[in-house]
């Protein structure tokens, strides 16, 4: 009975260590990334990057290629048709 108890403890201990080496490390990595994004300085950096990208987009003459515009137009028309069929 003692041997069974010791073997069971050993197995649970090894599973616990394995869990912390695999999932625990990933969880700590994800928590670190979240803390990075939650800091006030990094939020400001991200906002500034978004503003720069918006400025660049406004300066462009055309946002879409003709093919993309045609696909979006067909999709919107299909949505309009489905919405009108619902009413």
Protein backbone atom coordinates (compact mmCIF):
# COMPACT_ATOMS: atom_id res chain seq x y z
CA UNK A 1 0.00 0.00 0.00
CA UNK A 2 2.86 2.39 0.79
CA UNK A 3 4.45 1.79 -2.61
CA UNK A 4 1.16 2.59 -4.36
CA UNK A 5 0.84 5.80 -2.34
CA UNK A 6 4.41 6.88 -3.17
CA UNK A 7 4.00 6.07 -6.84
CA UNK A 8 0.74 8.05 -6.95
CA UNK A 9 2.40 11.05 -5.30
CA UNK A 10 5.29 10.83 -7.73
CA UNK A 11 2.94 10.71 -10.74
CA UNK A 12 0.93 13.71 -9.53
CA UNK A 13 4.11 15.63 -8.81
CA UNK A 14 5.46 14.90 -12.30
CA UNK A 15 2.16 15.94 -13.90
CA UNK A 16 2.22 19.14 -11.85
CA UNK A 17 5.78 19.94 -12.93
CA UNK A 18 5.01 19.12 -16.56
CA UNK A 19 1.95 21.38 -16.48
CA UNK A 20 3.97 24.30 -15.11
CA UNK A 21 6.77 23.79 -17.61
CA UNK A 22 4.37 23.84 -20.57
CA UNK A 23 1.21 25.77 -19.84
CA UNK A 24 2.59 27.84 -17.00
CA UNK A 25 5.36 29.26 -19.16
CA UNK A 26 2.87 30.18 -21.89
CA UNK A 27 0.56 31.82 -19.38
CA UNK A 28 3.39 33.92 -17.98
CA UNK A 29 4.37 34.93 -21.51
CA UNK A 30 0.81 36.00 -22.32
CA UNK A 31 0.51 37.90 -19.03
CA UNK A 32 3.74 39.73 -19.84
CA UNK A 33 2.42 40.75 -23.25
CA UNK A 34 -0.83 42.00 -21.71
CA UNK A 35 1.09 44.06 -19.18
CA UNK A 36 3.15 45.49 -22.03
CA UNK A 37 0.03 46.63 -23.87
CA UNK A 38 -1.64 47.97 -20.73
CA UNK A 39 1.14 50.41 -19.90
CA UNK A 40 0.29 54.06 -20.53
CA UNK A 41 3.42 54.68 -22.60
CA UNK A 42 2.70 51.81 -24.98
CA UNK A 43 -0.94 52.86 -25.33
CA UNK A 44 0.24 56.30 -26.47
CA UNK A 45 2.71 54.75 -28.92
CA UNK A 46 -0.05 52.59 -30.38
CA UNK A 47 -2.39 55.58 -30.69
CA UNK A 48 0.29 57.56 -32.50
CA UNK A 49 0.93 54.67 -34.90
CA UNK A 50 -2.79 54.45 -35.69
CA UNK A 51 -2.93 58.21 -36.28
CA UNK A 52 0.05 58.02 -38.64
CA UNK A 53 -1.56 55.19 -40.58
CA UNK A 54 -4.82 57.16 -40.84
CA UNK A 55 -2.92 60.18 -42.15
CA UNK A 56 -1.21 58.01 -44.75
CA UNK A 57 -4.56 56.53 -45.78
CA UNK A 58 -6.15 59.97 -46.16
CA UNK A 59 -3.31 61.09 -48.41
CA UNK A 60 -3.84 58.19 -50.81
CA UNK A 61 -5.97 58.86 -53.86
CA UNK A 62 -7.53 55.39 -54.09
CA UNK A 63 -7.98 53.03 -51.19
CA UNK A 64 -9.07 50.01 -53.18
CA UNK A 65 -8.15 48.38 -56.42
CA UNK A 66 -10.90 48.10 -59.04
CA UNK A 67 -11.24 44.38 -58.34
CA UNK A 68 -11.60 44.93 -54.58
CA UNK A 69 -14.14 47.70 -55.14
CA UNK A 70 -16.16 45.45 -57.43
CA UNK A 71 -16.15 42.60 -54.88
CA UNK A 72 -17.23 44.88 -52.06
CA UNK A 73 -19.94 46.40 -54.23
CA UNK A 74 -21.31 42.94 -55.10
CA UNK A 75 -21.25 41.95 -51.43
CA UNK A 76 -23.09 45.11 -50.36
CA UNK A 77 -25.69 44.63 -53.09
CA UNK A 78 -26.23 41.06 -51.96
CA UNK A 79 -26.70 42.23 -48.37
CA UNK A 80 -29.20 44.88 -49.51
CA UNK A 81 -31.15 42.26 -51.41
CA UNK A 82 -31.24 39.89 -48.43
CA UNK A 83 -32.33 42.69 -46.10
CA UNK A 84 -35.08 43.79 -48.46
CA UNK A 85 -36.26 40.16 -48.76
CA UNK A 86 -36.52 39.92 -44.97
CA UNK A 87 -38.92 42.86 -44.79
